[in-house]
Protein backbone atom coordinates (compact mmCIF):
# COMPACT_ATOMS: atom_id res chain seq x y z
CA MET A 1 -0.88 -3.45 -23.93
CA THR A 2 -4.00 -2.80 -21.89
CA ARG A 3 -5.80 0.43 -22.51
CA PRO A 4 -4.70 3.17 -20.09
CA ILE A 5 -8.34 3.87 -19.20
CA LEU A 6 -8.63 0.40 -17.66
CA LEU A 7 -5.05 0.16 -16.45
CA TRP A 8 -4.81 3.09 -14.02
CA PRO A 9 -7.91 2.35 -11.91
CA SER A 10 -6.76 -1.26 -11.54
CA LEU A 11 -3.26 -0.20 -10.53
CA ILE A 12 -4.60 2.37 -8.06
CA LEU A 13 -6.89 -0.25 -6.53
CA ILE A 14 -4.04 -2.76 -6.21
CA GLY A 15 -1.74 -0.06 -4.77
CA THR A 16 -4.37 0.91 -2.20
CA ILE A 17 -4.93 -2.71 -1.17
CA LEU A 18 -1.19 -3.24 -0.77
CA ALA A 19 -0.86 -0.03 1.27
CA LEU A 20 -3.68 -1.13 3.56
CA ALA A 21 -2.08 -4.58 3.92
CA THR A 22 1.09 -2.97 5.28
CA VAL A 23 -0.76 -2.06 8.48
CA PHE A 24 0.76 -5.28 9.86
CA VAL A 25 4.33 -4.14 9.13
CA PRO A 26 5.88 -2.18 12.01
CA ASN A 27 7.97 0.76 10.87
CA PRO A 28 11.23 1.70 12.65
CA ALA A 29 10.14 5.35 12.53
CA GLY A 30 7.16 4.49 14.73
CA GLY A 31 3.72 3.36 13.75
CA TYR A 32 2.65 0.90 11.10
CA GLY A 33 2.78 1.02 7.33
CA PHE A 34 5.59 0.74 4.82
CA PRO A 35 7.40 2.80 3.49
CA PHE A 36 5.56 5.65 5.25
CA PRO A 37 4.08 4.98 8.70
CA TRP A 38 0.42 5.97 8.50
CA LYS A 39 -1.15 4.20 11.54
CA THR A 40 -0.13 5.06 15.09
CA GLY A 41 -1.45 3.96 18.43
CA GLY A 42 -4.12 1.37 18.68
CA CYS A 43 -5.11 -1.50 20.86
CA PRO A 44 -2.92 -3.54 23.19
CA PRO A 45 -1.77 -7.06 22.34
CA PRO A 46 -4.31 -9.93 22.48
CA GLY A 47 -5.28 -11.04 25.96
CA ILE A 48 -5.68 -7.52 27.35
CA VAL A 49 -9.15 -6.03 27.66
CA ILE A 50 -10.05 -3.82 24.71
CA SER A 51 -11.93 -0.69 25.67
CA THR A 52 -13.38 2.35 23.94
CA PRO A 53 -10.35 4.57 24.72
CA CYS A 54 -8.24 1.94 22.99
CA PHE A 55 -10.06 2.50 19.68
CA LEU A 56 -9.99 6.27 20.14
CA ALA A 57 -6.19 6.12 20.47
CA ILE A 58 -5.78 4.91 16.88
CA GLY A 59 -4.28 7.66 14.73
CA LEU A 60 -4.25 7.73 10.94
CA ASP A 61 -2.07 9.97 8.83
CA TRP A 62 -4.08 10.23 5.62
CA LEU A 63 -1.30 11.90 3.64
CA SER A 64 1.10 9.05 4.39
CA LEU A 65 -1.59 6.51 3.47
CA VAL A 66 -2.11 8.22 0.10
CA LEU A 67 1.66 8.39 -0.45
CA ASP A 68 1.90 4.65 0.33
CA ALA A 69 -0.86 3.88 -2.16
CA LEU A 70 0.85 6.02 -4.82
CA PHE A 71 4.18 4.34 -4.09
CA TYR A 72 2.74 0.87 -4.68
CA THR A 73 0.77 2.08 -7.72
CA PHE A 74 3.92 3.40 -9.39
CA VAL A 75 5.90 0.28 -8.46
CA GLY A 76 3.18 -1.78 -10.14
CA TYR A 77 3.21 0.51 -13.19
CA GLY A 78 6.99 0.23 -13.43
CA LEU A 79 6.86 -3.56 -13.24
CA LEU A 80 4.14 -3.69 -15.88
CA LEU A 81 6.04 -1.30 -18.14
CA THR A 82 9.27 -3.30 -17.77
CA TYR A 83 7.42 -6.54 -18.49
CA SER A 84 5.74 -5.14 -21.61
CA LYS A 85 9.02 -3.70 -22.92
CA SER A 86 10.89 -6.98 -22.40
CA ARG A 87 8.07 -8.95 -23.99
CA SER A 88 7.99 -6.69 -27.07
CA ARG A 89 11.74 -7.19 -27.64
CA LYS A 90 11.49 -10.97 -27.88
CA PRO A 91 11.20 -12.26 -31.44
CA ALA A 92 7.88 -13.82 -32.45
CA ARG A 93 7.94 -17.55 -33.19
């Protein structure tokens, strides 16, 4: 298995990228981000004039963003751990 020193930064980076990619997923609780909504407000749909107050209306909840990144990091760690356990149980040929 990969050394833990190299594994955790990679998983955290992947988790953060996945959390940032969920900005396109609307959340039923309001805002954007999954599973925790971390972006609220923002600009109108395309075709409407974008102005400075539009960009100032964007709200970010940093705690929810960090929780999203941790969520995806631990999901990735769990998948990697499950894969390594199942691979170690298979007999060598």
